[in-house]
Amino acid sequence: MALKIITDSASDVPKWLADEYDLRVIPTPVVIDEKDYFDGETIFPSEFYQLLRDGKEVKTYHINAFMFKENFEPYAKNKDELIYICFSTGIAGTYNAANIAKTELLETYPDFDLTIIDTKCASLGYGLIVYYALKMLENNVEKQTIIEAIKYHCEHMEHIFTVETLEYLYKGGRLSRGSAIAGGLLDIKPIIKVDQKGALVAVEKVRGRQKSLKRLIEIVGEKGAALETQTIGLIHGDDKETLEKVKQKLTEQYGCKNFIENYVGCAIGAHTGPGIIGITFLNSETPYFRRIYDRD
């Protein structure tokens, strides 16, 4: 019997973090050429992005209630208290499916204490929130305070992305064919964020890759708080070299020194393609930092 925190693979938490904290990361399903795979278990980002480049047909669907029931039930049997930090309802139906599974499990385990939190966040945006929560749990912070901190960090998490190609936004229905063609001809690179409803939206258009990366870095300066001390999330679609340049600029311009880095996983990457670069960070100096101990 213990308090446990779990998440899903759309959080893009790096393997070292999952290993260090014995974190259960429920895998997101991915369909490639009509065959099912599971993000982080039977397919991994480096090979995933190569399949995209090779023109394979890739689809994703959210974790369903049956999968959630299988993942939640061991905790119910063990009488653990569980916090599940969940992918945004603005992008997928994950939260609703998790609640269906919870309702079914309560019929068998009426005392099962499961808190499901819709983060309204994506990728390492809520991966960072998972990290902060695990640090608090490690330091024996009480459950209700951890839940309050999770919700606070969800409300104040910024996500900004840019893509290298418009092809995948068009394929995913987030861009019209005409806009994709015109944007490609003009070398348009959208700046994408996760809005207050937890949905991916394009908020600016910039011409050229370098200008789009520069704009991401400017936005961090405009919206970020306590950048020298907070942990910044850096994510890429199989473009580590560009990510390193972005990291260097953030260090030089704002004194950032704490970073967590990873691939954008299949859940988002299938709709944005190779070359996506993203930065996630807090727009407010959190009152919970006193209880969070950043990785050395």
C-alpha atoms as a PDB file:
ATOM      1  CA  MET A   1       0.000   0.000   0.000  1.00  0.00           C
ATOM      2  CA  ALA A   2       1.549   3.265  -1.154  1.00  0.00           C
ATOM      3  CA  LEU A   3       0.931   6.443  -3.103  1.00  0.00           C
ATOM      4  CA  LYS A   4       1.942   5.968  -6.744  1.00  0.00           C
ATOM      5  CA  ILE A   5       2.129   8.290  -9.759  1.00  0.00           C
ATOM      6  CA  ILE A   6       1.770   7.042 -13.338  1.00  0.00           C
ATOM      7  CA  THR A   7       1.422   8.625 -16.775  1.00  0.00           C
ATOM      8  CA  ASP A   8       1.187   7.713 -20.462  1.00  0.00           C
ATOM      9  CA  SER A   9       3.758   7.813 -23.243  1.00  0.00           C
ATOM     10  CA  ALA A  10       2.361  10.997 -24.819  1.00  0.00           C
ATOM     11  CA  SER A  11       4.127  12.775 -21.922  1.00  0.00           C
ATOM     12  CA  ASP A  12       7.455  11.979 -23.644  1.00  0.00           C
ATOM     13  CA  VAL A  13       9.210  11.425 -20.328  1.00  0.00           C
ATOM     14  CA  PRO A  14      12.767  10.217 -21.027  1.00  0.00           C
ATOM     15  CA  LYS A  15      13.763   6.672 -20.180  1.00  0.00           C
ATOM     16  CA  TRP A  16      16.198   7.749 -17.463  1.00  0.00           C
ATOM     17  CA  LEU A  17      13.349   9.415 -15.580  1.00  0.00           C
ATOM     18  CA  ALA A  18      11.042   6.404 -15.839  1.00  0.00           C
ATOM     19  CA  ASP A  19      13.873   4.109 -14.713  1.00  0.00           C
ATOM     20  CA  GLU A  20      15.019   6.352 -11.862  1.00  0.00           C
ATOM     21  CA  TYR A  21      11.552   6.642 -10.340  1.00  0.00           C
ATOM     22  CA  ASP A  22      10.183   3.250 -11.375  1.00  0.00           C
ATOM     23  CA  LEU A  23       7.486   5.164 -13.233  1.00  0.00           C
ATOM     24  CA  ARG A  24       4.792   3.243 -15.094  1.00  0.00           C
ATOM     25  CA  VAL A  25       4.316   4.848 -18.512  1.00  0.00           C
ATOM     26  CA  ILE A  26       1.241   3.464 -20.277  1.00  0.00           C
ATOM     27  CA  PRO A  27       2.080   3.147 -23.999  1.00  0.00           C
ATOM     28  CA  THR A  28       0.084   4.972 -26.663  1.00  0.00           C
ATOM     29  CA  PRO A  29      -1.079   2.728 -29.539  1.00  0.00           C
ATOM     30  CA  VAL A  30       0.325   3.399 -33.017  1.00  0.00           C
ATOM     31  CA  VAL A  31      -0.847   1.774 -36.254  1.00  0.00           C
ATOM     32  CA  ILE A  32       1.772   1.465 -38.999  1.00  0.00           C
ATOM     33  CA  ASP A  33       0.684  -0.123 -42.273  1.00  0.00           C
ATOM     34  CA  GLU A  34      -2.332  -1.607 -40.438  1.00  0.00           C
ATOM     35  CA  LYS A  35      -0.186  -3.239 -37.731  1.00  0.00           C
ATOM     36  CA  ASP A  36      -0.496  -2.215 -34.063  1.00  0.00           C
ATOM     37  CA  TYR A  37       2.538  -1.037 -32.112  1.00  0.00           C
ATOM     38  CA  PHE A  38       2.933   0.525 -28.665  1.00  0.00           C
ATOM     39  CA  ASP A  39       4.955   3.704 -28.186  1.00  0.00           C
ATOM     40  CA  GLY A  40       8.042   3.045 -26.068  1.00  0.00           C
ATOM     41  CA  GLU A  41       7.419  -0.709 -25.855  1.00  0.00           C
ATOM     42  CA  THR A  42       7.304  -2.174 -29.364  1.00  0.00           C
ATOM     43  CA  ILE A  43       8.319   0.910 -31.350  1.00  0.00           C
ATOM     44  CA  PHE A  44      10.753   3.669 -30.451  1.00  0.00           C
ATOM     45  CA  PRO A  45      11.113   7.239 -31.748  1.00  0.00           C
ATOM     46  CA  SER A  46      14.271   6.852 -33.841  1.00  0.00           C
ATOM     47  CA  GLU A  47      12.773   4.022 -35.917  1.00  0.00           C
ATOM     48  CA  PHE A  48       9.359   5.695 -35.904  1.00  0.00           C
ATOM     49  CA  TYR A  49      10.669   8.840 -37.594  1.00  0.00           C
ATOM     50  CA  GLN A  50      12.499   6.786 -40.193  1.00  0.00           C
ATOM     51  CA  LEU A  51       9.224   5.025 -41.014  1.00  0.00           C
ATOM     52  CA  LEU A  52       7.597   8.436 -41.490  1.00  0.00           C
ATOM     53  CA  ARG A  53      10.396   9.453 -43.843  1.00  0.00           C
ATOM     54  CA  ASP A  54       9.935   6.204 -45.732  1.00  0.00           C
ATOM     55  CA  GLY A  55       6.323   7.141 -46.395  1.00  0.00           C
ATOM     56  CA  LYS A  56       4.686   4.481 -44.214  1.00  0.00           C
ATOM     57  CA  GLU A  57       1.040   5.034 -43.339  1.00  0.00           C
ATOM     58  CA  VAL A  58       0.916   5.939 -39.646  1.00  0.00           C
ATOM     59  CA  LYS A  59      -2.158   6.437 -37.452  1.00  0.00           C
ATOM     60  CA  THR A  60      -2.604   6.824 -33.721  1.00  0.00           C
ATOM     61  CA  TYR A  61      -5.526   6.195 -31.405  1.00  0.00           C
ATOM     62  CA  HIS A  62      -5.895   6.881 -27.720  1.00  0.00           C
ATOM     63  CA  ILE A  63      -5.459   4.322 -24.956  1.00  0.00           C
ATOM     64  CA  ASN A  64      -8.863   2.703 -24.527  1.00  0.00           C
ATOM     65  CA  ALA A  65     -10.778   1.783 -21.365  1.00  0.00           C
ATOM     66  CA  PHE A  66      -9.772  -1.883 -21.547  1.00  0.00           C
ATOM     67  CA  MET A  67      -6.068  -0.953 -21.675  1.00  0.00           C
ATOM     68  CA  PHE A  68      -6.506   1.422 -18.758  1.00  0.00           C
ATOM     69  CA  LYS A  69      -8.295  -1.218 -16.720  1.00  0.00           C
ATOM     70  CA  GLU A  70      -5.399  -3.617 -17.261  1.00  0.00           C
ATOM     71  CA  ASN A  71      -2.904  -0.969 -16.163  1.00  0.00           C
ATOM     72  CA  PHE A  72      -4.883   0.321 -13.170  1.00  0.00           C
ATOM     73  CA  GLU A  73      -5.991  -3.015 -11.719  1.00  0.00           C
ATOM     74  CA  PRO A  74      -2.631  -4.087 -10.179  1.00  0.00           C
ATOM     75  CA  TYR A  75      -2.686  -0.889  -8.087  1.00  0.00           C
ATOM     76  CA  ALA A  76      -6.284  -1.523  -7.063  1.00  0.00           C
ATOM     77  CA  LYS A  77      -5.404  -5.066  -5.994  1.00  0.00           C
ATOM     78  CA  ASN A  78      -2.460  -3.790  -3.988  1.00  0.00           C
ATOM     79  CA  LYS A  79      -4.657  -1.113  -2.338  1.00  0.00           C
ATOM     80  CA  ASP A  80      -2.333   1.643  -3.553  1.00  0.00           C
ATOM     81  CA  GLU A  81      -3.440   5.242  -3.870  1.00  0.00           C
ATOM     82  CA  LEU A  82      -2.889   6.259  -7.479  1.00  0.00           C
ATOM     83  CA  ILE A  83      -2.505   9.557  -9.352  1.00  0.00           C
ATOM     84  CA  TYR A  84      -2.686   9.280 -13.122  1.00  0.00           C
ATOM     85  CA  ILE A  85      -1.340  12.365 -14.933  1.00  0.00           C
ATOM     86  CA  CYS A  86      -3.129  12.309 -18.269  1.00  0.00           C
ATOM     87  CA  PHE A  87      -2.798  13.536 -21.884  1.00  0.00           C
ATOM     88  CA  SER A  88      -4.906  16.574 -22.809  1.00  0.00           C
ATOM     89  CA  THR A  89      -8.597  16.110 -23.609  1.00  0.00           C
ATOM     90  CA  GLY A  90      -8.097  18.814 -26.226  1.00  0.00           C
ATOM     91  CA  ILE A  91      -6.069  16.372 -28.327  1.00  0.00           C
ATOM     92  CA  ALA A  92      -7.243  12.849 -27.451  1.00  0.00           C
ATOM     93  CA  GLY A  93      -9.988  10.948 -25.614  1.00  0.00           C
ATOM     94  CA  THR A  94      -7.550   9.500 -23.085  1.00  0.00           C
ATOM     95  CA  TYR A  95      -9.097  11.144 -20.012  1.00  0.00           C
ATOM     96  CA  ASN A  96     -12.614   9.891 -20.739  1.00  0.00           C
ATOM     97  CA  ALA A  97     -11.366   6.346 -21.370  1.00  0.00           C
ATOM     98  CA  ALA A  98      -9.443   6.399 -18.085  1.00  0.00           C
ATOM     99  CA  ASN A  99     -12.576   7.439 -16.198  1.00  0.00           C
ATOM    100  CA  ILE A 100     -14.596   4.637 -17.777  1.00  0.00           C
ATOM    101  CA  ALA A 101     -11.963   2.168 -16.571  1.00  0.00           C
ATOM    102  CA  LYS A 102     -12.045   3.714 -13.093  1.00  0.00           C
ATOM    103  CA  THR A 103     -15.844   3.344 -12.896  1.00  0.00           C
ATOM    104  CA  GLU A 104     -15.611  -0.327 -13.885  1.00  0.00           C
ATOM    105  CA  LEU A 105     -12.840  -1.039 -11.382  1.00  0.00           C
ATOM    106  CA  LEU A 106     -14.750   0.571  -8.520  1.00  0.00           C
ATOM    107  CA  GLU A 107     -17.415  -2.110  -8.932  1.00  0.00           C
ATOM    108  CA  THR A 108     -14.813  -4.708  -7.922  1.00  0.00           C
ATOM    109  CA  TYR A 109     -12.563  -2.538  -5.758  1.00  0.00           C
ATOM    110  CA  PRO A 110     -14.883   0.044  -4.134  1.00  0.00           C
ATOM    111  CA  ASP A 111     -12.067   1.480  -1.996  1.00  0.00           C
ATOM    112  CA  PHE A 112      -9.704   2.077  -4.915  1.00  0.00           C
ATOM    113  CA  ASP A 113      -8.357   5.628  -4.548  1.00  0.00           C
ATOM    114  CA  LEU A 114      -7.585   6.842  -8.091  1.00  0.00           C
ATOM    115  CA  THR A 115      -7.173  10.514  -9.029  1.00  0.00           C
ATOM    116  CA  ILE A 116      -7.172  11.200 -12.788  1.00  0.00           C
ATOM    117  CA  ILE A 117      -5.889  14.635 -13.817  1.00  0.00           C
ATOM    118  CA  ASP A 118      -6.556  16.069 -17.265  1.00  0.00           C
ATOM    119  CA  THR A 119      -3.432  18.165 -17.748  1.00  0.00           C
ATOM    120  CA  LYS A 120      -4.601  20.089 -20.841  1.00  0.00           C
ATOM    121  CA  CYS A 121      -0.932  19.578 -21.742  1.00  0.00           C
ATOM    122  CA  ALA A 122       0.995  17.573 -24.320  1.00  0.00           C
ATOM    123  CA  SER A 123       4.406  15.971 -24.748  1.00  0.00           C
ATOM    124  CA  LEU A 124       7.100  17.051 -22.301  1.00  0.00           C
ATOM    125  CA  GLY A 125       4.763  19.815 -21.116  1.00  0.00           C
ATOM    126  CA  TYR A 126       3.159  17.297 -18.817  1.00  0.00           C
ATOM    127  CA  GLY A 127       6.289  15.181 -18.735  1.00  0.00           C
ATOM    128  CA  LEU A 128       7.777  18.012 -16.671  1.00  0.00           C
ATOM    129  CA  ILE A 129       4.680  18.015 -14.467  1.00  0.00           C
ATOM    130  CA  VAL A 130       5.160  14.289 -13.878  1.00  0.00           C
ATOM    131  CA  TYR A 131       8.799  14.957 -13.000  1.00  0.00           C
ATOM    132  CA  TYR A 132       7.906  17.641 -10.454  1.00  0.00           C
ATOM    133  CA  ALA A 133       5.253  15.396  -8.889  1.00  0.00           C
ATOM    134  CA  LEU A 134       7.693  12.490  -8.591  1.00  0.00           C
ATOM    135  CA  LYS A 135      10.229  14.758  -6.903  1.00  0.00           C
ATOM    136  CA  MET A 136       7.605  15.849  -4.397  1.00  0.00           C
ATOM    137  CA  LEU A 137       6.564  12.244  -3.764  1.00  0.00           C
ATOM    138  CA  GLU A 138      10.205  11.291  -3.248  1.00  0.00           C
ATOM    139  CA  ASN A 139      10.451  14.005  -0.598  1.00  0.00           C
ATOM    140  CA  ASN A 140       7.337  12.758   1.235  1.00  0.00           C
ATOM    141  CA  VAL A 141       5.098  15.679   0.341  1.00  0.00           C
ATOM    142  CA  GLU A 142       1.481  14.865   1.216  1.00  0.00           C
ATOM    143  CA  LYS A 143      -0.886  13.678  -1.513  1.00  0.00           C
ATOM    144  CA  GLN A 144      -3.225  16.684  -1.557  1.00  0.00           C
ATOM    145  CA  THR A 145      -0.315  19.104  -1.928  1.00  0.00           C
ATOM    146  CA  ILE A 146       1.065  17.042  -4.825  1.00  0.00           C
ATOM    147  CA  ILE A 147      -2.350  17.175  -6.533  1.00  0.00           C
ATOM    148  CA  GLU A 148      -2.531  20.945  -5.992  1.00  0.00           C
ATOM    149  CA  ALA A 149       0.962  21.335  -7.453  1.00  0.00           C
ATOM    150  CA  ILE A 150       0.096  19.212 -10.491  1.00  0.00           C
ATOM    151  CA  LYS A 151      -2.946  21.373 -11.215  1.00  0.00           C
ATOM    152  CA  TYR A 152      -0.983  24.590 -10.714  1.00  0.00           C
ATOM    153  CA  HIS A 153       1.779  23.471 -13.064  1.00  0.00           C
ATOM    154  CA  CYS A 154      -0.802  22.383 -15.657  1.00  0.00           C
ATOM    155  CA  GLU A 155      -2.327  25.871 -15.609  1.00  0.00           C
ATOM    156  CA  HIS A 156       1.047  27.593 -15.977  1.00  0.00           C
ATOM    157  CA  MET A 157       2.805  25.319 -18.475  1.00  0.00           C
ATOM    158  CA  GLU A 158       3.675  26.834 -21.860  1.00  0.00           C
ATOM    159  CA  HIS A 159       4.259  24.682 -24.966  1.00  0.00           C
ATOM    160  CA  ILE A 160       5.682  26.106 -28.190  1.00  0.00           C
ATOM    161  CA  PHE A 161       6.623  24.113 -31.280  1.00  0.00           C
ATOM    162  CA  THR A 162       7.663  24.640 -34.855  1.00  0.00           C
ATOM    163  CA  VAL A 163       7.714  22.075 -37.667  1.00  0.00           C
ATOM    164  CA  GLU A 164      10.083  21.537 -40.567  1.00  0.00           C
ATOM    165  CA  THR A 165       7.372  20.497 -43.019  1.00  0.00           C
ATOM    166  CA  LEU A 166       3.637  21.195 -43.332  1.00  0.00           C
ATOM    167  CA  GLU A 167       2.956  17.776 -44.857  1.00  0.00           C
ATOM    168  CA  TYR A 168       1.968  16.038 -41.638  1.00  0.00           C
ATOM    169  CA  LEU A 169      -0.248  18.856 -40.382  1.00  0.00           C
ATOM    170  CA  TYR A 170      -2.116  18.537 -43.699  1.00  0.00           C
ATOM    171  CA  LYS A 171      -2.331  14.741 -43.448  1.00  0.00           C
ATOM    172  CA  GLY A 172      -3.673  15.038 -39.908  1.00  0.00           C
ATOM    173  CA  GLY A 173      -6.419  17.441 -40.962  1.00  0.00           C
ATOM    174  CA  ARG A 174      -4.944  20.440 -39.113  1.00  0.00           C
ATOM    175  CA  LEU A 175      -4.164  22.291 -42.350  1.00  0.00           C
ATOM    176  CA  SER A 176      -6.018  22.570 -45.652  1.00  0.00           C
ATOM    177  CA  ARG A 177      -4.393  21.312 -48.850  1.00  0.00           C
ATOM    178  CA  GLY A 178      -4.278  24.832 -50.268  1.00  0.00           C
ATOM    179  CA  SER A 179      -2.634  26.232 -47.146  1.00  0.00           C
ATOM    180  CA  ALA A 180      -0.100  23.412 -47.150  1.00  0.00           C
ATOM    181  CA  ILE A 181       0.842  24.000 -50.772  1.00  0.00           C
ATOM    182  CA  ALA A 182       1.036  27.786 -50.398  1.00  0.00           C
ATOM    183  CA  GLY A 183       2.933  27.480 -47.136  1.00  0.00           C
ATOM    184  CA  GLY A 184       5.414  25.091 -48.675  1.00  0.00           C
ATOM    185  CA  LEU A 185       6.077  27.413 -51.612  1.00  0.00           C
ATOM    186  CA  LEU A 186       6.608  30.381 -49.272  1.00  0.00           C
ATOM    187  CA  ASP A 187       8.643  28.334 -46.750  1.00  0.00           C
ATOM    188  CA  ILE A 188       6.136  29.123 -44.007  1.00  0.00           C
ATOM    189  CA  LYS A 189       6.871  27.608 -40.584  1.00  0.00           C
ATOM    190  CA  PRO A 190       3.989  27.893 -38.116  1.00  0.00           C
ATOM    191  CA  ILE A 191       4.527  28.525 -34.418  1.00  0.00           C
ATOM    192  CA  ILE A 192       2.232  26.090 -32.626  1.00  0.00           C
ATOM    193  CA  LYS A 193       1.166  26.154 -28.998  1.00  0.00           C
ATOM    194  CA  VAL A 194      -1.133  24.221 -26.695  1.00  0.00           C
ATOM    195  CA  ASP A 195      -3.982  26.568 -25.797  1.00  0.00           C
ATOM    196  CA  GLN A 196      -6.028  26.829 -22.580  1.00  0.00           C
ATOM    197  CA  LYS A 197      -8.382  24.107 -23.811  1.00  0.00           C
ATOM    198  CA  GLY A 198      -5.434  21.781 -24.330  1.00  0.00           C
ATOM    199  CA  ALA A 199      -5.597  21.851 -28.138  1.00  0.00           C
ATOM    200  CA  LEU A 200      -2.770  22.357 -30.632  1.00  0.00           C
ATOM    201  CA  VAL A 201      -3.201  25.682 -32.434  1.00  0.00           C
ATOM    202  CA  ALA A 202      -1.023  27.689 -34.824  1.00  0.00           C
ATOM    203  CA  VAL A 203      -0.572  31.185 -33.403  1.00  0.00           C
ATOM    204  CA  GLU A 204       2.047  32.712 -35.720  1.00  0.00           C
ATOM    205  CA  LYS A 205       3.546  32.160 -39.170  1.00  0.00           C
ATOM    206  CA  VAL A 206       7.240  32.718 -39.825  1.00  0.00           C
ATOM    207  CA  ARG A 207       9.182  32.375 -43.070  1.00  0.00           C
ATOM    208  CA  GLY A 208      12.145  30.011 -42.829  1.00  0.00           C
ATOM    209  CA  ARG A 209      13.454  27.447 -40.388  1.00  0.00           C
ATOM    210  CA  GLN A 210      16.006  29.674 -38.673  1.00  0.00           C
ATOM    211  CA  LYS A 211      13.515  32.478 -38.114  1.00  0.00           C
ATOM    212  CA  SER A 212      11.004  30.035 -36.629  1.00  0.00           C
ATOM    213  CA  LEU A 213      13.611  28.723 -34.176  1.00  0.00           C
ATOM    214  CA  LYS A 214      14.606  32.278 -33.272  1.00  0.00           C
ATOM    215  CA  ARG A 215      10.952  33.085 -32.615  1.00  0.00           C
ATOM    216  CA  LEU A 216      10.579  30.088 -30.278  1.00  0.00           C
ATOM    217  CA  ILE A 217      13.504  31.358 -28.225  1.00  0.00           C
ATOM    218  CA  GLU A 218      12.047  34.884 -28.130  1.00  0.00           C
ATOM    219  CA  ILE A 219       8.710  33.550 -26.849  1.00  0.00           C
ATOM    220  CA  VAL A 220      10.486  31.779 -23.992  1.00  0.00           C
ATOM    221  CA  GLY A 221      11.913  35.148 -22.950  1.00  0.00           C
ATOM    222  CA  GLU A 222       8.543  36.864 -23.305  1.00  0.00           C
ATOM    223  CA  LYS A 223       6.511  34.330 -21.336  1.00  0.00           C
ATOM    224  CA  GLY A 224       8.883  32.410 -19.110  1.00  0.00           C
ATOM    225  CA  ALA A 225       9.459  33.096 -15.396  1.00  0.00           C
ATOM    226  CA  ALA A 226      12.543  32.334 -13.310  1.00  0.00           C
ATOM    227  CA  LEU A 227      14.231  30.833 -16.363  1.00  0.00           C
ATOM    228  CA  GLU A 228      17.585  30.534 -14.599  1.00  0.00           C
ATOM    229  CA  THR A 229      16.167  28.173 -11.986  1.00  0.00           C
ATOM    230  CA  GLN A 230      13.255  26.298 -13.560  1.00  0.00           C
ATOM    231  CA  THR A 231      13.665  23.118 -15.600  1.00  0.00           C
ATOM    232  CA  ILE A 232      13.054  23.602 -19.327  1.00  0.00           C
ATOM    233  CA  GLY A 233      11.674  20.802 -21.500  1.00  0.00           C
ATOM    234  CA  LEU A 234      13.319  20.397 -24.932  1.00  0.00           C
ATOM    235  CA  ILE A 235      11.862  18.020 -27.511  1.00  0.00           C
ATOM    236  CA  HIS A 236      12.676  17.145 -31.097  1.00  0.00           C
ATOM    237  CA  GLY A 237      11.517  14.990 -33.979  1.00  0.00           C
ATOM    238  CA  ASP A 238      14.789  13.194 -34.686  1.00  0.00           C
ATOM    239  CA  ASP A 239      16.795  16.419 -34.980  1.00  0.00           C
ATOM    240  CA  LYS A 240      19.121  16.424 -31.989  1.00  0.00           C
ATOM    241  CA  GLU A 241      21.603  18.751 -33.704  1.00  0.00           C
ATOM    242  CA  THR A 242      19.071  21.568 -34.021  1.00  0.00           C
ATOM    243  CA  LEU A 243      17.867  20.974 -30.472  1.00  0.00           C
ATOM    244  CA  GLU A 244      21.404  21.434 -29.172  1.00  0.00           C
ATOM    245  CA  LYS A 245      21.603  24.816 -30.924  1.00  0.00           C
ATOM    246  CA  VAL A 246      18.315  25.883 -29.340  1.00  0.00           C
ATOM    247  CA  LYS A 247      19.584  24.743 -25.935  1.00  0.00           C
ATOM    248  CA  GLN A 248      22.774  26.775 -26.371  1.00  0.00           C
ATOM    249  CA  LYS A 249      20.789  29.913 -27.252  1.00  0.00           C
ATOM    250  CA  LEU A 250      18.524  29.494 -24.223  1.00  0.00           C
ATOM    251  CA  THR A 251      21.587  29.162 -22.011  1.00  0.00           C
ATOM    252  CA  GLU A 252      23.299  32.198 -23.518  1.00  0.00           C
ATOM    253  CA  GLN A 253      20.270  34.505 -23.620  1.00  0.00           C
ATOM    254  CA  TYR A 254      18.422  33.620 -20.414  1.00  0.00           C
ATOM    255  CA  GLY A 255      20.885  31.724 -18.234  1.00  0.00           C
ATOM    256  CA  CYS A 256      18.871  28.493 -18.444  1.00  0.00           C
ATOM    257  CA  LYS A 257      20.819  25.620 -16.966  1.00  0.00           C
ATOM    258  CA  ASN A 258      18.299  22.917 -16.054  1.00  0.00           C
ATOM    259  CA  PHE A 259      16.952  20.918 -18.987  1.00  0.00           C
ATOM    260  CA  ILE A 260      15.115  17.675 -19.664  1.00  0.00           C
ATOM    261  CA  GLU A 261      15.368  16.529 -23.280  1.00  0.00           C
ATOM    262  CA  ASN A 262      13.677  13.838 -25.336  1.00  0.00           C
ATOM    263  CA  TYR A 263      12.134  12.911 -28.644  1.00  0.00           C
ATOM    264  CA  VAL A 264       8.601  13.987 -29.479  1.00  0.00           C
ATOM    265  CA  GLY A 265       6.929  10.587 -29.321  1.00  0.00           C
ATOM    266  CA  CYS A 266       4.490   8.898 -31.658  1.00  0.00           C
ATOM    267  CA  ALA A 267       1.317  10.483 -30.240  1.00  0.00           C
ATOM    268  CA  ILE A 268       2.302  13.993 -31.389  1.00  0.00           C
ATOM    269  CA  GLY A 269       5.046  13.144 -33.883  1.00  0.00           C
ATOM    270  CA  ALA A 270       2.666  11.278 -36.204  1.00  0.00           C
ATOM    271  CA  HIS A 271       0.839  14.573 -36.801  1.00  0.00           C
ATOM    272  CA  THR A 272       3.859  16.891 -36.990  1.00  0.00           C
ATOM    273  CA  GLY A 273       6.527  14.781 -38.706  1.00  0.00           C
ATOM    274  CA  PRO A 274      10.324  14.694 -38.475  1.00  0.00           C
ATOM    275  CA  GLY A 275      12.086  17.936 -37.578  1.00  0.00           C
ATOM    276  CA  ILE A 276       9.616  19.259 -35.014  1.00  0.00           C
ATOM    277  CA  ILE A 277      11.308  21.303 -32.282  1.00  0.00           C
ATOM    278  CA  GLY A 278       9.513  22.170 -29.048  1.00  0.00           C
ATOM    279  CA  ILE A 279      10.147  24.000 -25.786  1.00  0.00           C
ATOM    280  CA  THR A 280       8.026  23.627 -22.647  1.00  0.00           C
ATOM    281  CA  PHE A 281       8.372  25.887 -19.604  1.00  0.00           C
ATOM    282  CA  LEU A 282       6.460  27.589 -16.788  1.00  0.00           C
ATOM    283  CA  ASN A 283       5.103  31.117 -17.186  1.00  0.00           C
ATOM    284  CA  SER A 284       4.975  31.714 -13.433  1.00  0.00           C
ATOM    285  CA  GLU A 285       7.433  31.200 -10.603  1.00  0.00           C
ATOM    286  CA  THR A 286       5.836  28.259  -8.851  1.00  0.00           C
ATOM    287  CA  PRO A 287       5.223  28.393  -5.084  1.00  0.00           C
ATOM    288  CA  TYR A 288       5.977  24.663  -5.040  1.00  0.00           C
ATOM    289  CA  PHE A 289       9.648  24.987  -6.072  1.00  0.00           C
ATOM    290  CA  ARG A 290      10.679  24.812  -2.426  1.00  0.00           C
ATOM    291  CA  ARG A 291       9.421  21.244  -2.432  1.00  0.00           C
ATOM    292  CA  ILE A 292      10.970  20.300  -5.761  1.00  0.00           C
ATOM    293  CA  TYR A 293      14.580  19.216  -6.026  1.00  0.00           C
ATOM    294  CA  ASP A 294      15.961  19.442  -9.554  1.00  0.00           C
ATOM    295  CA  ARG A 295      18.218  16.762 -10.957  1.00  0.00           C
ATOM    296  CA  ASP A 296      21.931  17.518 -10.642  1.00  0.00           C
END
